[in-house]
Amino acid sequence: MAEIQSYTMNFGPQHPAAHGVLRLILEMEGEVIQRADPHVGLLHRATEKLAESKPYSQSIGYMDRLDYVSMMCNEHSYVLAIEKLLGIVPPLRAQYIRVMFDEITRVLNHLMWLGAHGLDIGAMTMFLYCFREREDLMDCYEAVSGTRMHATYYRPGGVFRDLPDSMPKYQPSKWRSQKRVDALNAIREGSLLDFIDAFTAKFPGCVDQYETLLTDNRIWKQRTVNIAVVSPERALQLGFTGPMLRGSGVEWDLRRKQPYEVYERMDFDIPVGVNGDCYDRYLVRVEEMRQSNRIIKQCVDWLRANPGPVMIDDHKVVAPARIEMKDDMESLIHHFKLFTEGYCVPAGEAYAAVEHPKGEFGIYLISDGANKPYRVKIRAAGFAHLSAISEMVVGHMLADVVAVIGTQDIVFGEVDR
């Protein structure tokens, strides 16, 4: 027998399954991986340093662009940290809106993950199905913030504005007939809450479709069962959080263990895996979509019944309404000061973490009393997961690297911050 020589090969950064700008240097022996070395730095964004060079409120939009699939969850952590330092609590309605949009973001993230993971492993239909539902949720982002991705909707003290009473509607064009447009607009006649309510009613059936395609599919199971097994003890040692940790059987969820906003009022279950393999992590995320749907429905019911303010009434932190600003000299001064200098935050430090779709996403802020942070440290969930990739792929085949990157749900914007 000829001796198999070991060799080194690059996986990425231009590989379609590398999800962003990931470069893996794989040491191979034939088709089997002996070692995987992830290289970060190809997408270095300097987000932390940029945030330290401008007033607090101007960095909210940078948070959206970290993990660009979980936009509002990133904002939430940053805004919570600022609120801790300022000692302010947003109105209850704003807290419910934040929780609702956190869960909408979780569903958006998991749909993107499921579509891309399926496509990587060879299930093309998944991608088309998932994007069908993502489109509806993106319209919710657009309705509240005016943009489909980088919303900048959460603000210290609440949210940018209340939920709209009408949804954007499709217009007839040479691509869409009036009849088709009328069918598409049928669920857009009411308010945003009506639209989200209709979505929560149909979404469990959509998740059933995804599961019909994948859960008992023998090809899917051959590609994911017993691939990249991580024991619960090892998952904790490696710093796993979110579905990566719960997939290994550890029931840890910040929404339940360290509740923030109004999560302690919500009724939902925490799905956990048994074997800690790619298949279990898939099952955990699919069940999380169902649980998020439950939380969204509870928020919709509460928000319907409880109108109220969505922003605190402190013009040292929150800009006055434009009508006030044009009539009242003091409001004009507040407006001018806020948009030129921002607000000074009392000296101190704060750490705020949220249960982000990918795990624990935390912001550590140090303030020296100025109008910009002295230090911003971002605790990205994906960074700890990526550091374990070598351990997870050793002994597996080259094709399994794709399954492992997929199961980690890596988005490089937050890893290479």
Protein backbone atom coordinates (compact mmCIF):
# COMPACT_ATOMS: atom_id res chain seq x y z
CA MET A 1 0.00 0.00 0.00
CA ALA A 2 1.23 3.46 -0.87
CA GLU A 3 1.57 5.61 2.24
CA ILE A 4 -0.95 8.45 2.45
CA GLN A 5 0.86 11.73 2.86
CA SER A 6 -0.63 14.45 5.03
CA TYR A 7 -1.09 17.82 3.36
CA THR A 8 -2.44 21.27 4.17
CA MET A 9 -5.32 22.92 2.38
CA ASN A 10 -7.26 26.17 2.62
CA PHE A 11 -11.00 26.12 3.26
CA GLY A 12 -12.21 29.62 2.42
CA PRO A 13 -12.26 32.58 2.65
CA GLN A 14 -14.04 32.49 -0.71
CA HIS A 15 -15.71 29.13 -0.10
CA PRO A 16 -19.53 29.34 -0.46
CA ALA A 17 -20.03 27.45 2.82
CA ALA A 18 -17.56 29.59 4.81
CA HIS A 19 -20.33 32.07 5.79
CA GLY A 20 -18.55 35.36 5.70
CA VAL A 21 -14.78 35.68 5.58
CA LEU A 22 -13.69 32.53 7.39
CA ARG A 23 -10.40 30.93 6.41
CA LEU A 24 -9.66 27.50 7.81
CA ILE A 25 -6.27 25.89 7.34
CA LEU A 26 -6.94 22.15 7.38
CA GLU A 27 -4.26 19.54 7.93
CA MET A 28 -5.54 16.50 6.06
CA GLU A 29 -4.52 12.89 5.95
CA GLY A 30 -6.27 11.67 2.86
CA GLU A 31 -9.89 12.74 3.37
CA VAL A 32 -9.65 12.86 7.18
CA ILE A 33 -8.95 16.08 9.12
CA GLN A 34 -6.12 16.03 11.65
CA ARG A 35 -6.29 19.71 12.63
CA ALA A 36 -8.22 22.84 11.71
CA ASP A 37 -6.81 26.31 12.32
CA PRO A 38 -9.37 29.16 11.96
CA HIS A 39 -7.90 32.45 10.78
CA VAL A 40 -9.68 35.62 11.83
CA GLY A 41 -8.77 39.16 10.85
CA LEU A 42 -9.74 39.17 7.18
CA LEU A 43 -12.88 41.21 7.96
CA HIS A 44 -11.54 43.31 10.85
CA ARG A 45 -14.16 46.01 11.48
CA ALA A 46 -12.75 47.91 14.50
CA THR A 47 -16.30 48.33 15.82
CA GLU A 48 -15.13 48.68 19.42
CA LYS A 49 -12.67 51.45 18.58
CA LEU A 50 -15.21 53.24 16.35
CA ALA A 51 -17.74 53.12 19.21
CA GLU A 52 -15.17 54.68 21.54
CA SER A 53 -14.69 57.63 19.17
CA LYS A 54 -18.27 58.90 18.94
CA PRO A 55 -21.23 59.73 21.22
CA TYR A 56 -23.14 56.78 22.69
CA SER A 57 -26.28 57.06 20.60
CA GLN A 58 -24.34 57.22 17.32
CA SER A 59 -23.01 53.67 17.79
CA ILE A 60 -26.41 51.92 17.93
CA GLY A 61 -26.32 51.54 14.14
CA TYR A 62 -22.89 49.88 14.36
CA MET A 63 -24.36 47.16 16.56
CA ASP A 64 -26.81 46.16 13.80
CA ARG A 65 -23.89 45.49 11.51
CA LEU A 66 -22.07 43.10 13.85
CA ASP A 67 -24.16 39.98 13.45
CA TYR A 68 -26.09 41.23 10.44
CA VAL A 69 -28.67 38.43 10.77
CA SER A 70 -29.67 39.31 14.38
CA MET A 71 -29.80 43.04 14.12
CA MET A 72 -32.10 44.17 16.94
CA CYS A 73 -30.68 41.68 19.46
CA ASN A 74 -27.25 43.31 19.08
CA GLU A 75 -28.78 46.75 19.63
CA HIS A 76 -30.63 45.47 22.68
CA SER A 77 -27.48 44.53 24.57
CA TYR A 78 -25.79 47.87 23.83
CA VAL A 79 -28.86 49.89 24.80
CA LEU A 80 -29.29 47.87 28.03
CA ALA A 81 -25.68 48.64 29.02
CA ILE A 82 -26.22 52.39 28.44
CA GLU A 83 -29.48 52.27 30.44
CA LYS A 84 -27.66 50.55 33.33
CA LEU A 85 -25.10 53.34 33.46
CA LEU A 86 -27.74 56.07 33.15
CA GLY A 87 -30.00 54.37 35.70
CA ILE A 88 -33.11 54.59 33.51
CA VAL A 89 -35.89 52.04 32.89
CA PRO A 90 -37.92 52.15 29.66
CA PRO A 91 -41.76 52.17 29.80
CA LEU A 92 -43.46 48.77 30.03
CA ARG A 93 -44.88 48.98 26.51
CA ALA A 94 -41.38 49.59 25.13
CA GLN A 95 -40.14 46.51 27.02
CA TYR A 96 -42.86 44.35 25.46
CA ILE A 97 -42.05 45.73 21.99
CA ARG A 98 -38.35 44.92 22.55
CA VAL A 99 -39.13 41.35 23.64
CA MET A 100 -41.43 40.87 20.64
CA PHE A 101 -38.79 42.11 18.21
CA ASP A 102 -36.05 40.08 19.94
CA GLU A 103 -38.10 36.97 19.22
CA ILE A 104 -38.91 38.07 15.66
CA THR A 105 -35.14 38.51 15.23
CA ARG A 106 -34.53 35.02 16.68
CA VAL A 107 -36.92 33.53 14.12
CA LEU A 108 -35.25 35.56 11.34
CA ASN A 109 -31.83 34.31 12.42
CA HIS A 110 -32.88 30.67 12.69
CA LEU A 111 -34.62 30.80 9.29
CA MET A 112 -31.43 32.17 7.73
CA TRP A 113 -29.41 29.50 9.53
CA LEU A 114 -31.74 26.66 8.51
CA GLY A 115 -31.89 27.76 4.88
CA ALA A 116 -28.11 28.18 4.60
CA HIS A 117 -27.30 25.01 6.60
CA GLY A 118 -29.67 23.00 4.42
CA LEU A 119 -28.18 24.47 1.26
CA ASP A 120 -24.62 23.72 2.41
CA ILE A 121 -25.47 20.08 3.04
CA GLY A 122 -27.47 19.76 -0.18
CA ALA A 123 -31.13 20.52 0.65
CA MET A 124 -31.88 23.33 -1.79
CA THR A 125 -35.64 23.54 -1.14
CA MET A 126 -35.03 24.55 2.50
CA PHE A 127 -33.48 27.84 1.42
CA LEU A 128 -36.50 28.78 -0.69
CA TYR A 129 -38.97 27.84 2.05
CA CYS A 130 -37.14 29.76 4.79
CA PHE A 131 -36.82 32.92 2.75
CA ARG A 132 -40.56 32.87 2.08
CA GLU A 133 -41.20 33.44 5.82
CA ARG A 134 -38.20 35.73 6.30
CA GLU A 135 -39.76 38.11 3.79
CA ASP A 136 -42.81 38.66 6.03
CA LEU A 137 -40.69 39.32 9.11
CA MET A 138 -38.41 41.69 7.19
CA ASP A 139 -41.56 43.67 6.35
CA CYS A 140 -42.15 44.03 10.13
CA TYR A 141 -38.64 45.52 10.50
CA GLU A 142 -39.39 47.87 7.62
CA ALA A 143 -42.74 48.92 9.08
CA VAL A 144 -41.28 50.06 12.43
CA SER A 145 -37.90 51.45 11.38
CA GLY A 146 -38.10 52.21 7.66
CA THR A 147 -35.33 49.74 6.81
CA ARG A 148 -35.28 46.00 6.30
CA MET A 149 -32.04 45.16 8.07
CA HIS A 150 -30.10 47.77 10.03
CA ALA A 151 -33.01 49.11 12.02
CA THR A 152 -31.46 51.28 14.79
CA TYR A 153 -34.88 50.93 16.42
CA TYR A 154 -33.96 50.43 20.09
CA ARG A 155 -32.86 53.60 21.88
CA PRO A 156 -31.78 54.27 25.47
CA GLY A 157 -35.10 54.91 27.23
CA GLY A 158 -37.33 52.86 24.94
CA VAL A 159 -37.80 52.42 21.20
CA PHE A 160 -37.70 54.90 18.32
CA ARG A 161 -41.49 55.03 17.80
CA ASP A 162 -44.69 53.13 18.52
CA LEU A 163 -45.95 50.32 16.29
CA PRO A 164 -47.58 51.64 13.08
CA ASP A 165 -51.32 51.37 12.38
CA SER A 166 -50.80 50.32 8.79
CA MET A 167 -48.50 47.97 6.86
CA PRO A 168 -46.62 48.83 3.65
CA LYS A 169 -48.51 47.35 0.69
CA TYR A 170 -47.45 45.89 -2.65
CA GLN A 171 -48.23 47.94 -5.75
CA PRO A 172 -49.23 46.53 -9.16
CA SER A 173 -46.44 46.53 -11.75
CA LYS A 174 -45.44 44.77 -14.95
CA TRP A 175 -44.19 41.90 -12.76
CA ARG A 176 -47.29 41.67 -10.52
CA SER A 177 -50.89 41.86 -11.71
CA GLN A 178 -53.62 43.59 -9.69
CA LYS A 179 -55.11 40.21 -8.78
CA ARG A 180 -51.75 38.95 -7.43
CA VAL A 181 -51.19 42.21 -5.52
CA ASP A 182 -54.66 41.99 -3.93
CA ALA A 183 -53.87 38.45 -2.74
CA LEU A 184 -50.50 39.56 -1.28
CA ASN A 185 -52.09 42.57 0.44
CA ALA A 186 -54.94 40.58 2.01
CA ILE A 187 -53.05 40.24 5.33
CA ARG A 188 -51.71 43.82 5.15
CA GLU A 189 -55.02 45.65 5.51
CA GLY A 190 -54.78 46.05 9.31
CA SER A 191 -52.06 47.27 11.68
CA LEU A 192 -48.59 45.80 12.23
CA LEU A 193 -49.94 43.85 15.23
CA ASP A 194 -52.66 42.31 13.01
CA PHE A 195 -49.99 41.31 10.50
CA ILE A 196 -47.76 39.74 13.18
CA ASP A 197 -50.80 37.98 14.70
CA ALA A 198 -51.62 36.45 11.30
CA PHE A 199 -47.98 35.38 10.95
CA THR A 200 -47.96 33.62 14.36
CA ALA A 201 -51.09 31.72 13.34
CA LYS A 202 -49.56 30.31 10.14
CA PHE A 203 -45.90 29.91 11.22
CA PRO A 204 -46.20 26.58 13.17
CA GLY A 205 -47.49 24.99 9.95
CA CYS A 206 -44.43 26.34 8.11
CA VAL A 207 -42.10 24.82 10.74
CA ASP A 208 -43.95 21.50 10.24
CA GLN A 209 -43.06 21.77 6.53
CA TYR A 210 -39.36 22.26 7.35
CA GLU A 211 -39.43 19.25 9.67
CA THR A 212 -41.20 17.11 7.07
CA LEU A 213 -38.36 17.87 4.67
CA LEU A 214 -35.46 17.30 7.07
CA THR A 215 -36.10 15.76 10.49
CA ASP A 216 -36.57 12.14 9.37
CA ASN A 217 -34.76 12.52 6.05
CA ARG A 218 -32.11 9.78 5.97
CA ILE A 219 -29.61 11.85 3.97
CA TRP A 220 -29.94 14.74 6.46
CA LYS A 221 -29.45 12.35 9.38
CA GLN A 222 -26.41 10.71 7.74
CA ARG A 223 -24.83 14.17 7.41
CA THR A 224 -25.62 15.36 10.97
CA VAL A 225 -26.08 12.47 13.43
CA ASN A 226 -22.90 11.79 15.49
CA ILE A 227 -21.05 14.60 13.72
CA ALA A 228 -19.12 17.02 16.02
CA VAL A 229 -20.31 15.55 19.31
CA VAL A 230 -19.61 17.86 22.29
CA SER A 231 -20.25 16.61 25.82
CA PRO A 232 -22.06 18.93 28.30
CA GLU A 233 -18.90 19.27 30.45
CA ARG A 234 -16.74 20.12 27.44
CA ALA A 235 -19.33 22.58 26.07
CA LEU A 236 -19.19 24.49 29.37
CA GLN A 237 -15.37 24.45 29.39
CA LEU A 238 -15.25 25.80 25.82
CA GLY A 239 -17.55 28.72 26.72
CA PHE A 240 -20.46 27.62 24.56
CA THR A 241 -23.75 29.49 24.98
CA GLY A 242 -27.13 29.47 23.29
CA PRO A 243 -28.21 26.56 21.07
CA MET A 244 -24.63 25.20 21.00
CA LEU A 245 -24.76 24.68 24.79
CA ARG A 246 -28.40 23.59 24.93
CA GLY A 247 -27.75 21.12 22.10
CA SER A 248 -25.29 19.39 24.44
CA GLY A 249 -28.00 19.03 27.09
CA VAL A 250 -27.29 22.02 29.37
CA GLU A 251 -30.47 23.96 30.12
CA TRP A 252 -29.00 27.47 30.21
CA ASP A 253 -30.99 30.39 28.79
CA LEU A 254 -30.52 33.99 29.95
CA ARG A 255 -34.19 34.71 29.30
CA ARG A 256 -35.02 32.29 32.11
CA LYS A 257 -31.90 32.31 34.34
CA GLN A 258 -31.16 36.06 34.28
CA PRO A 259 -34.39 37.58 32.93
CA TYR A 260 -34.32 41.06 31.42
CA GLU A 261 -37.15 43.30 30.15
CA VAL A 262 -40.40 41.30 30.60
CA TYR A 263 -39.17 37.74 29.94
CA GLU A 264 -40.15 36.60 33.45
CA ARG A 265 -43.80 37.23 32.41
CA MET A 266 -43.52 35.01 29.34
CA ASP A 267 -44.56 31.37 29.13
CA PHE A 268 -42.12 29.34 27.03
CA ASP A 269 -40.02 26.17 27.17
CA ILE A 270 -36.26 25.76 26.80
CA PRO A 271 -35.46 22.95 24.34
CA VAL A 272 -32.34 20.89 25.10
CA GLY A 273 -30.52 18.17 23.18
CA VAL A 274 -29.33 14.75 24.34
CA ASN A 275 -26.30 13.73 22.27
CA GLY A 276 -24.64 17.10 21.56
CA ASP A 277 -24.24 16.44 17.83
CA CYS A 278 -25.18 18.52 14.78
CA TYR A 279 -28.58 16.83 14.59
CA ASP A 280 -29.46 17.77 18.19
CA ARG A 281 -28.43 21.37 17.61
CA TYR A 282 -30.69 21.41 14.54
CA LEU A 283 -33.61 20.06 16.61
CA VAL A 284 -33.00 22.64 19.36
CA ARG A 285 -33.06 25.57 16.93
CA VAL A 286 -36.19 24.32 15.16
CA GLU A 287 -38.00 23.99 18.50
CA GLU A 288 -36.73 27.47 19.48
CA MET A 289 -38.59 28.87 16.48
CA ARG A 290 -41.82 27.38 17.84
CA GLN A 291 -41.16 28.78 21.32
CA SER A 292 -40.31 32.23 19.90
CA ASN A 293 -43.62 32.12 18.04
CA ARG A 294 -45.37 31.53 21.39
CA ILE A 295 -43.63 34.53 22.97
CA ILE A 296 -44.45 36.79 20.00
CA LYS A 297 -48.13 35.83 20.29
CA GLN A 298 -48.15 36.68 24.03
CA CYS A 299 -46.55 40.08 23.31
CA VAL A 300 -49.06 40.84 20.54
CA ASP A 301 -51.99 40.10 22.88
CA TRP A 302 -50.55 42.34 25.63
CA LEU A 303 -49.67 45.20 23.26
CA ARG A 304 -53.18 45.22 21.80
CA ALA A 305 -54.69 45.67 25.26
CA ASN A 306 -52.19 48.17 26.72
CA PRO A 307 -51.48 51.39 24.83
CA GLY A 308 -48.99 53.79 26.39
CA PRO A 309 -45.69 55.62 25.94
CA VAL A 310 -42.74 53.84 24.29
CA MET A 311 -40.04 56.30 25.39
CA ILE A 312 -39.17 57.98 28.68
CA ASP A 313 -39.90 61.69 28.98
CA ASP A 314 -36.39 62.89 29.83
CA HIS A 315 -35.08 65.34 27.25
CA LYS A 316 -31.56 65.09 28.63
CA VAL A 317 -31.41 61.64 26.99
CA VAL A 318 -34.28 61.55 24.48
CA ALA A 319 -34.84 64.11 21.74
CA PRO A 320 -38.06 66.14 22.10
CA ALA A 321 -40.81 65.76 19.51
CA ARG A 322 -40.27 67.90 16.41
CA ILE A 323 -43.45 69.88 17.04
CA GLU A 324 -42.13 70.81 20.52
CA MET A 325 -38.72 71.60 19.11
CA LYS A 326 -40.20 74.15 16.67
CA ASP A 327 -42.35 75.89 19.32
CA ASP A 328 -40.29 75.81 22.51
CA MET A 329 -36.84 77.32 22.96
CA GLU A 330 -35.82 74.89 25.71
CA SER A 331 -36.75 71.92 23.50
CA LEU A 332 -34.72 73.41 20.66
CA ILE A 333 -31.69 73.64 22.95
CA HIS A 334 -32.17 70.01 24.09
CA HIS A 335 -32.45 68.92 20.46
CA PHE A 336 -29.33 70.81 19.43
CA LYS A 337 -27.26 69.54 22.38
CA LEU A 338 -28.36 65.92 21.88
CA PHE A 339 -27.56 65.84 18.17
CA THR A 340 -24.23 67.66 18.42
CA GLU A 341 -22.71 66.38 21.69
CA GLY A 342 -25.03 63.58 22.82
CA TYR A 343 -25.42 63.02 26.56
CA CYS A 344 -22.80 62.49 29.24
CA VAL A 345 -23.03 59.15 31.02
CA PRO A 346 -22.04 58.93 34.73
CA ALA A 347 -18.62 57.38 35.33
CA GLY A 348 -18.75 53.65 36.01
CA GLU A 349 -18.89 50.31 34.26
CA ALA A 350 -21.70 48.00 33.20
CA TYR A 351 -22.10 44.64 31.49
CA ALA A 352 -25.38 43.77 29.79
CA ALA A 353 -26.00 40.44 28.09
CA VAL A 354 -28.96 39.17 26.09
CA GLU A 355 -29.91 35.68 24.93
CA HIS A 356 -28.98 36.35 21.33
CA PRO A 357 -30.03 33.77 18.69
CA LYS A 358 -26.42 32.51 18.61
CA GLY A 359 -25.78 32.54 22.37
CA GLU A 360 -24.81 35.10 24.99
CA PHE A 361 -24.13 38.45 23.38
CA GLY A 362 -22.76 40.95 25.89
CA ILE A 363 -21.59 44.56 25.90
CA TYR A 364 -19.15 45.74 28.56
CA LEU A 365 -19.06 49.53 28.81
CA ILE A 366 -16.69 51.71 30.83
CA SER A 367 -17.64 55.37 31.16
CA ASP A 368 -15.35 58.12 32.43
CA GLY A 369 -18.21 60.62 32.59
CA ALA A 370 -17.77 61.92 29.05
CA ASN A 371 -20.25 61.85 26.14
CA LYS A 372 -18.49 58.87 24.55
CA PRO A 373 -17.49 55.54 26.13
CA TYR A 374 -13.95 55.12 27.48
CA ARG A 375 -14.04 51.42 26.53
CA VAL A 376 -16.47 49.16 24.70
CA LYS A 377 -15.90 45.39 24.78
CA ILE A 378 -18.18 43.14 22.79
CA ARG A 379 -18.69 39.55 23.93
CA ALA A 380 -19.65 37.88 20.65
CA ALA A 381 -21.31 34.48 20.96
CA GLY A 382 -19.76 33.10 17.77
CA PHE A 383 -16.15 33.79 18.78
CA ALA A 384 -16.09 31.10 21.50
CA HIS A 385 -17.79 28.63 19.18
CA LEU A 386 -15.31 29.25 16.38
CA SER A 387 -12.38 28.63 18.73
CA ALA A 388 -13.70 25.07 19.24
CA ILE A 389 -13.92 24.25 15.55
CA SER A 390 -10.63 22.31 15.48
CA GLU A 391 -11.79 20.07 18.32
CA MET A 392 -15.15 19.49 16.62
CA VAL A 393 -13.85 18.50 13.17
CA VAL A 394 -10.80 16.36 14.03
CA GLY A 395 -11.34 12.80 12.83
CA HIS A 396 -14.17 13.77 10.50
CA MET A 397 -14.13 13.99 6.72
CA LEU A 398 -13.65 17.16 4.69
CA ALA A 399 -17.36 17.32 3.80
CA ASP A 400 -18.22 17.35 7.52
CA VAL A 401 -16.44 20.70 7.96
CA VAL A 402 -19.36 22.26 6.09
CA ALA A 403 -21.85 20.64 8.50
CA VAL A 404 -19.86 21.86 11.53
CA ILE A 405 -19.62 25.47 10.30
CA GLY A 406 -23.35 25.29 9.62
CA THR A 407 -24.18 23.91 13.07
CA GLN A 408 -22.15 26.69 14.74
CA ASP A 409 -24.22 29.33 12.92
CA ILE A 410 -21.18 31.57 12.44
CA VAL A 411 -21.63 35.12 11.20
CA PHE A 412 -18.26 36.72 10.81
CA GLY A 413 -19.30 40.32 11.40
CA GLU A 414 -19.45 39.72 15.17
CA VAL A 415 -16.47 37.32 15.34
CA ASP A 416 -14.16 39.75 13.53
CA ARG A 417 -15.36 42.86 15.31
